[in-house]
Amino acid sequence: MVTLDPEVSLRALVESGRQRNFGKKALAPKSVNQRRYLEAIERNDMVFGIGPAGTGKTYLAVAMAISALMSKRVARIILTRRRWKPASGWAFCRALCRKKWTPICAALRRAL
């Protein structure tokens, strides 16, 4: 990945891979894309993370939100998800919402 991107040097990757503390844990990016995502969160007020499942987007976003809350850079954390119209009815929608929100809320509870 480092050789494919002319903007990324090995030295910059190592230097920016510093640990960030959030709550009771420390966080360090494991890839160039995670490093870029964390830098974007630090630089901007709003960041949209899109990409394949399992790449750490939610975990990193929650960790950075907790870090900002603990350091008093923000007063509150607002959690959002996109809105969709359920094809199978609202009962199915409630179960799906619970399934989607449980990991996010669990990460918040563990960190705080």
N, C-alpha and C. Protein backbone atom coordinates (compact mmCIF):
# COMPACT_ATOMS: atom_id res chain seq x y z
N MET A 1 0.83 -1.19 0.00
CA MET A 1 0.00 0.00 0.00
C MET A 1 0.87 1.26 0.00
N VAL A 2 1.97 1.21 0.75
CA VAL A 2 2.84 2.38 0.82
C VAL A 2 3.48 2.65 -0.53
N THR A 3 3.86 1.62 -1.25
CA THR A 3 4.53 1.82 -2.53
C THR A 3 3.56 2.28 -3.61
N LEU A 4 2.28 1.99 -3.47
CA LEU A 4 1.30 2.38 -4.48
C LEU A 4 0.88 3.84 -4.38
N ASP A 5 0.99 4.42 -3.21
CA ASP A 5 0.53 5.79 -2.99
C ASP A 5 1.72 6.73 -2.86
N PRO A 6 1.90 7.67 -3.80
CA PRO A 6 3.06 8.57 -3.72
C PRO A 6 2.99 9.54 -2.55
N GLU A 7 1.79 9.74 -1.96
CA GLU A 7 1.66 10.67 -0.84
C GLU A 7 2.05 10.05 0.49
N VAL A 8 2.21 8.73 0.52
CA VAL A 8 2.49 8.03 1.78
C VAL A 8 3.93 7.55 1.78
N SER A 9 4.65 7.94 2.82
CA SER A 9 6.00 7.42 3.00
C SER A 9 6.00 6.53 4.24
N LEU A 10 6.98 5.68 4.32
CA LEU A 10 7.06 4.78 5.46
C LEU A 10 7.27 5.57 6.75
N ARG A 11 8.05 6.62 6.69
CA ARG A 11 8.29 7.46 7.86
C ARG A 11 7.00 8.13 8.33
N ALA A 12 6.22 8.66 7.39
CA ALA A 12 4.95 9.31 7.74
C ALA A 12 3.97 8.31 8.34
N LEU A 13 3.98 7.10 7.81
CA LEU A 13 3.10 6.06 8.33
C LEU A 13 3.45 5.72 9.77
N VAL A 14 4.72 5.58 10.07
CA VAL A 14 5.16 5.25 11.42
C VAL A 14 4.87 6.40 12.38
N GLU A 15 5.17 7.63 11.95
CA GLU A 15 4.96 8.78 12.83
C GLU A 15 3.48 9.02 13.11
N SER A 16 2.63 8.84 12.11
CA SER A 16 1.21 9.11 12.32
C SER A 16 0.50 7.92 12.94
N GLY A 17 1.18 6.80 13.08
CA GLY A 17 0.59 5.63 13.70
C GLY A 17 0.63 5.69 15.21
N ARG A 18 0.77 6.88 15.74
CA ARG A 18 0.84 7.04 17.19
C ARG A 18 -0.46 6.61 17.85
N GLN A 19 -0.35 6.22 19.09
CA GLN A 19 -1.53 5.80 19.83
C GLN A 19 -2.35 7.00 20.25
N ARG A 20 -3.65 6.80 20.23
CA ARG A 20 -4.59 7.81 20.72
C ARG A 20 -5.36 7.17 21.86
N ASN A 21 -5.47 7.88 22.98
CA ASN A 21 -6.17 7.34 24.13
C ASN A 21 -7.64 7.68 24.07
N PHE A 22 -8.48 6.70 24.39
CA PHE A 22 -9.90 6.94 24.51
C PHE A 22 -10.42 6.09 25.65
N GLY A 23 -10.99 6.76 26.64
CA GLY A 23 -11.50 6.03 27.79
C GLY A 23 -10.39 5.26 28.48
N LYS A 24 -10.60 3.96 28.60
CA LYS A 24 -9.65 3.10 29.31
C LYS A 24 -8.65 2.42 28.38
N LYS A 25 -8.76 2.67 27.09
CA LYS A 25 -7.93 1.96 26.11
C LYS A 25 -7.13 2.94 25.26
N ALA A 26 -6.19 2.37 24.51
CA ALA A 26 -5.41 3.13 23.55
C ALA A 26 -5.69 2.58 22.16
N LEU A 27 -5.60 3.43 21.17
CA LEU A 27 -5.93 3.06 19.80
C LEU A 27 -4.80 3.48 18.88
N ALA A 28 -4.41 2.59 17.98
CA ALA A 28 -3.40 2.90 16.96
C ALA A 28 -3.92 2.36 15.63
N PRO A 29 -3.80 3.14 14.55
CA PRO A 29 -4.28 2.66 13.25
C PRO A 29 -3.45 1.47 12.78
N LYS A 30 -4.12 0.50 12.16
CA LYS A 30 -3.45 -0.72 11.70
C LYS A 30 -3.15 -0.70 10.21
N SER A 31 -3.63 0.30 9.49
CA SER A 31 -3.37 0.38 8.05
C SER A 31 -3.31 1.85 7.64
N VAL A 32 -2.90 2.07 6.42
CA VAL A 32 -2.82 3.43 5.88
C VAL A 32 -4.21 4.05 5.83
N ASN A 33 -5.20 3.28 5.42
CA ASN A 33 -6.56 3.82 5.33
C ASN A 33 -7.14 4.15 6.70
N GLN A 34 -6.85 3.34 7.70
CA GLN A 34 -7.29 3.67 9.05
C GLN A 34 -6.61 4.94 9.54
N ARG A 35 -5.33 5.10 9.21
CA ARG A 35 -4.61 6.33 9.60
C ARG A 35 -5.26 7.54 8.95
N ARG A 36 -5.58 7.44 7.66
CA ARG A 36 -6.24 8.55 6.96
C ARG A 36 -7.60 8.86 7.56
N TYR A 37 -8.34 7.82 7.92
CA TYR A 37 -9.66 8.00 8.52
C TYR A 37 -9.54 8.73 9.85
N LEU A 38 -8.59 8.32 10.70
CA LEU A 38 -8.40 8.99 11.99
C LEU A 38 -7.96 10.44 11.80
N GLU A 39 -7.08 10.68 10.84
CA GLU A 39 -6.65 12.05 10.57
C GLU A 39 -7.82 12.90 10.08
N ALA A 40 -8.68 12.33 9.25
CA ALA A 40 -9.86 13.06 8.76
C ALA A 40 -10.80 13.40 9.92
N ILE A 41 -10.97 12.46 10.84
CA ILE A 41 -11.82 12.72 12.01
C ILE A 41 -11.22 13.82 12.87
N GLU A 42 -9.90 13.82 13.04
CA GLU A 42 -9.25 14.85 13.84
C GLU A 42 -9.32 16.23 13.18
N ARG A 43 -9.24 16.27 11.85
CA ARG A 43 -9.21 17.53 11.11
C ARG A 43 -10.58 18.15 10.87
N ASN A 44 -11.61 17.34 10.69
CA ASN A 44 -12.91 17.83 10.24
C ASN A 44 -13.99 17.64 11.29
N ASP A 45 -15.03 18.48 11.20
CA ASP A 45 -16.16 18.37 12.12
C ASP A 45 -17.05 17.19 11.78
N MET A 46 -17.18 16.87 10.50
CA MET A 46 -18.04 15.77 10.08
C MET A 46 -17.33 14.93 9.04
N VAL A 47 -17.32 13.62 9.25
CA VAL A 47 -16.66 12.69 8.34
C VAL A 47 -17.63 11.55 8.05
N PHE A 48 -17.79 11.21 6.78
CA PHE A 48 -18.60 10.07 6.39
C PHE A 48 -17.65 8.92 6.04
N GLY A 49 -17.76 7.83 6.78
CA GLY A 49 -16.92 6.67 6.53
C GLY A 49 -17.70 5.63 5.74
N ILE A 50 -17.27 5.38 4.52
CA ILE A 50 -17.93 4.36 3.71
C ILE A 50 -16.89 3.33 3.29
N GLY A 51 -17.33 2.11 3.13
CA GLY A 51 -16.42 1.06 2.72
C GLY A 51 -16.92 -0.30 3.14
N PRO A 52 -16.14 -1.32 2.88
CA PRO A 52 -16.59 -2.69 3.18
C PRO A 52 -16.71 -2.94 4.69
N ALA A 53 -17.55 -3.90 5.03
CA ALA A 53 -17.75 -4.27 6.43
C ALA A 53 -16.48 -4.88 7.01
N GLY A 54 -16.30 -4.67 8.31
CA GLY A 54 -15.18 -5.30 9.00
C GLY A 54 -13.86 -4.57 8.90
N THR A 55 -13.87 -3.33 8.46
CA THR A 55 -12.61 -2.59 8.33
C THR A 55 -12.35 -1.64 9.50
N GLY A 56 -13.26 -1.62 10.48
CA GLY A 56 -13.03 -0.83 11.69
C GLY A 56 -13.61 0.57 11.66
N LYS A 57 -14.46 0.89 10.73
CA LYS A 57 -15.00 2.25 10.62
C LYS A 57 -15.77 2.66 11.88
N THR A 58 -16.71 1.82 12.30
CA THR A 58 -17.53 2.15 13.47
C THR A 58 -16.68 2.20 14.73
N TYR A 59 -15.81 1.23 14.91
CA TYR A 59 -14.96 1.18 16.10
C TYR A 59 -14.09 2.43 16.20
N LEU A 60 -13.46 2.81 15.11
CA LEU A 60 -12.60 3.99 15.13
C LEU A 60 -13.39 5.26 15.37
N ALA A 61 -14.57 5.37 14.76
CA ALA A 61 -15.40 6.57 14.94
C ALA A 61 -15.86 6.68 16.39
N VAL A 62 -16.31 5.57 16.99
CA VAL A 62 -16.74 5.60 18.39
C VAL A 62 -15.56 5.92 19.30
N ALA A 63 -14.41 5.35 19.03
CA ALA A 63 -13.23 5.61 19.85
C ALA A 63 -12.84 7.09 19.80
N MET A 64 -12.86 7.67 18.61
CA MET A 64 -12.51 9.09 18.49
C MET A 64 -13.56 9.99 19.14
N ALA A 65 -14.83 9.58 19.07
CA ALA A 65 -15.90 10.36 19.72
C ALA A 65 -15.72 10.33 21.24
N ILE A 66 -15.39 9.17 21.77
CA ILE A 66 -15.17 9.06 23.22
C ILE A 66 -13.95 9.87 23.63
N SER A 67 -12.91 9.84 22.81
CA SER A 67 -11.71 10.63 23.10
C SER A 67 -12.04 12.11 23.15
N ALA A 68 -12.83 12.59 22.19
CA ALA A 68 -13.21 14.00 22.17
C ALA A 68 -14.09 14.35 23.37
N LEU A 69 -14.98 13.44 23.76
CA LEU A 69 -15.85 13.68 24.91
C LEU A 69 -15.05 13.73 26.20
N MET A 70 -14.10 12.79 26.36
CA MET A 70 -13.29 12.76 27.58
C MET A 70 -12.37 13.97 27.70
N SER A 71 -11.88 14.47 26.57
CA SER A 71 -10.99 15.63 26.61
C SER A 71 -11.77 16.94 26.55
N LYS A 72 -13.09 16.85 26.61
CA LYS A 72 -13.98 18.02 26.65
C LYS A 72 -13.92 18.89 25.39
N ARG A 73 -13.55 18.27 24.25
CA ARG A 73 -13.61 18.99 22.97
C ARG A 73 -15.03 19.03 22.43
N VAL A 74 -15.86 18.10 22.89
CA VAL A 74 -17.29 18.10 22.55
C VAL A 74 -18.09 17.91 23.82
N ALA A 75 -19.34 18.35 23.80
CA ALA A 75 -20.20 18.24 24.98
C ALA A 75 -21.05 16.97 24.96
N ARG A 76 -21.32 16.44 23.75
CA ARG A 76 -22.13 15.24 23.65
C ARG A 76 -21.83 14.51 22.35
N ILE A 77 -22.22 13.24 22.33
CA ILE A 77 -22.05 12.40 21.14
C ILE A 77 -23.44 12.14 20.58
N ILE A 78 -23.62 12.38 19.30
CA ILE A 78 -24.89 12.13 18.63
C ILE A 78 -24.69 10.96 17.67
N LEU A 79 -25.42 9.88 17.88
CA LEU A 79 -25.33 8.71 17.03
C LEU A 79 -26.42 8.76 15.97
N THR A 80 -26.07 8.50 14.73
CA THR A 80 -27.05 8.48 13.65
C THR A 80 -26.80 7.29 12.74
N ARG A 81 -27.83 6.89 12.04
CA ARG A 81 -27.73 5.89 10.98
C ARG A 81 -28.62 6.37 9.85
N ARG A 82 -28.38 5.85 8.67
CA ARG A 82 -29.20 6.27 7.55
C ARG A 82 -30.62 5.74 7.71
N ARG A 83 -31.56 6.39 7.08
CA ARG A 83 -32.96 6.00 7.16
C ARG A 83 -33.32 5.16 5.94
N TRP A 84 -34.13 4.15 6.13
CA TRP A 84 -34.57 3.33 5.02
C TRP A 84 -36.02 2.94 5.24
N LYS A 85 -36.67 2.56 4.19
CA LYS A 85 -38.06 2.11 4.26
C LYS A 85 -38.06 0.59 4.27
N PRO A 86 -38.53 -0.04 5.35
CA PRO A 86 -38.49 -1.50 5.42
C PRO A 86 -39.50 -2.13 4.47
N ALA A 87 -39.07 -3.13 3.75
CA ALA A 87 -39.96 -3.84 2.83
C ALA A 87 -40.81 -4.86 3.55
N SER A 88 -40.32 -5.36 4.70
CA SER A 88 -41.02 -6.43 5.40
C SER A 88 -41.91 -5.95 6.54
N GLY A 89 -42.06 -4.67 6.71
CA GLY A 89 -42.89 -4.15 7.79
C GLY A 89 -42.07 -3.62 8.94
N TRP A 90 -42.74 -2.88 9.83
CA TRP A 90 -42.06 -2.20 10.92
C TRP A 90 -41.59 -3.14 12.02
N ALA A 91 -42.25 -4.29 12.22
CA ALA A 91 -41.79 -5.23 13.24
C ALA A 91 -40.39 -5.73 12.88
N PHE A 92 -40.19 -6.05 11.61
CA PHE A 92 -38.88 -6.46 11.14
C PHE A 92 -37.88 -5.32 11.31
N CYS A 93 -38.33 -4.11 11.07
CA CYS A 93 -37.47 -2.92 11.17
C CYS A 93 -36.94 -2.75 12.60
N ARG A 94 -37.80 -2.95 13.59
CA ARG A 94 -37.35 -2.81 14.99
C ARG A 94 -36.25 -3.81 15.31
N ALA A 95 -36.43 -5.06 14.86
CA ALA A 95 -35.41 -6.08 15.11
C ALA A 95 -34.10 -5.74 14.40
N LEU A 96 -34.21 -5.25 13.18
CA LEU A 96 -33.02 -4.88 12.43
C LEU A 96 -32.31 -3.69 13.07
N CYS A 97 -33.07 -2.72 13.54
CA CYS A 97 -32.47 -1.55 14.22
C CYS A 97 -31.72 -2.00 15.47
N ARG A 98 -32.33 -2.88 16.23
CA ARG A 98 -31.68 -3.37 17.45
C ARG A 98 -30.37 -4.08 17.09
N LYS A 99 -30.39 -4.87 16.02
CA LYS A 99 -29.20 -5.59 15.58
C LYS A 99 -28.09 -4.62 15.15
N LYS A 100 -28.47 -3.53 14.48
CA LYS A 100 -27.49 -2.56 13.99
C LYS A 100 -26.92 -1.69 15.12
N TRP A 101 -27.75 -1.32 16.11
CA TRP A 101 -27.32 -0.40 17.16
C TRP A 101 -26.59 -1.08 18.30
N THR A 102 -26.84 -2.37 18.53
CA THR A 102 -26.25 -3.06 19.67
C THR A 102 -24.73 -2.99 19.69
N PRO A 103 -24.01 -3.24 18.59
CA PRO A 103 -22.55 -3.16 18.65
C PRO A 103 -22.04 -1.75 18.97
N ILE A 104 -22.70 -0.74 18.45
CA ILE A 104 -22.27 0.63 18.69
C ILE A 104 -22.45 0.99 20.16
N CYS A 105 -23.62 0.68 20.70
CA CYS A 105 -23.89 0.99 22.11
C CYS A 105 -23.01 0.17 23.03
N ALA A 106 -22.73 -1.07 22.67
CA ALA A 106 -21.86 -1.91 23.49
C ALA A 106 -20.45 -1.33 23.54
N ALA A 107 -19.96 -0.85 22.41
CA ALA A 107 -18.62 -0.23 22.37
C ALA A 107 -18.59 1.02 23.24
N LEU A 108 -19.63 1.81 23.20
CA LEU A 108 -19.70 3.00 24.04
C LEU A 108 -19.69 2.63 25.52
N ARG A 109 -20.49 1.65 25.90
CA ARG A 109 -20.57 1.24 27.31
C ARG A 109 -19.22 0.71 27.81
N ARG A 110 -18.56 -0.11 26.99
CA ARG A 110 -17.26 -0.67 27.40
C ARG A 110 -16.23 0.43 27.58
N ALA A 111 -16.23 1.40 26.69
CA ALA A 111 -15.20 2.44 26.74
C ALA A 111 -15.44 3.44 27.87
N LEU A 112 -16.70 3.69 28.16
CA LEU A 112 -17.00 4.67 29.22
C LEU A 112 -17.09 3.96 30.55
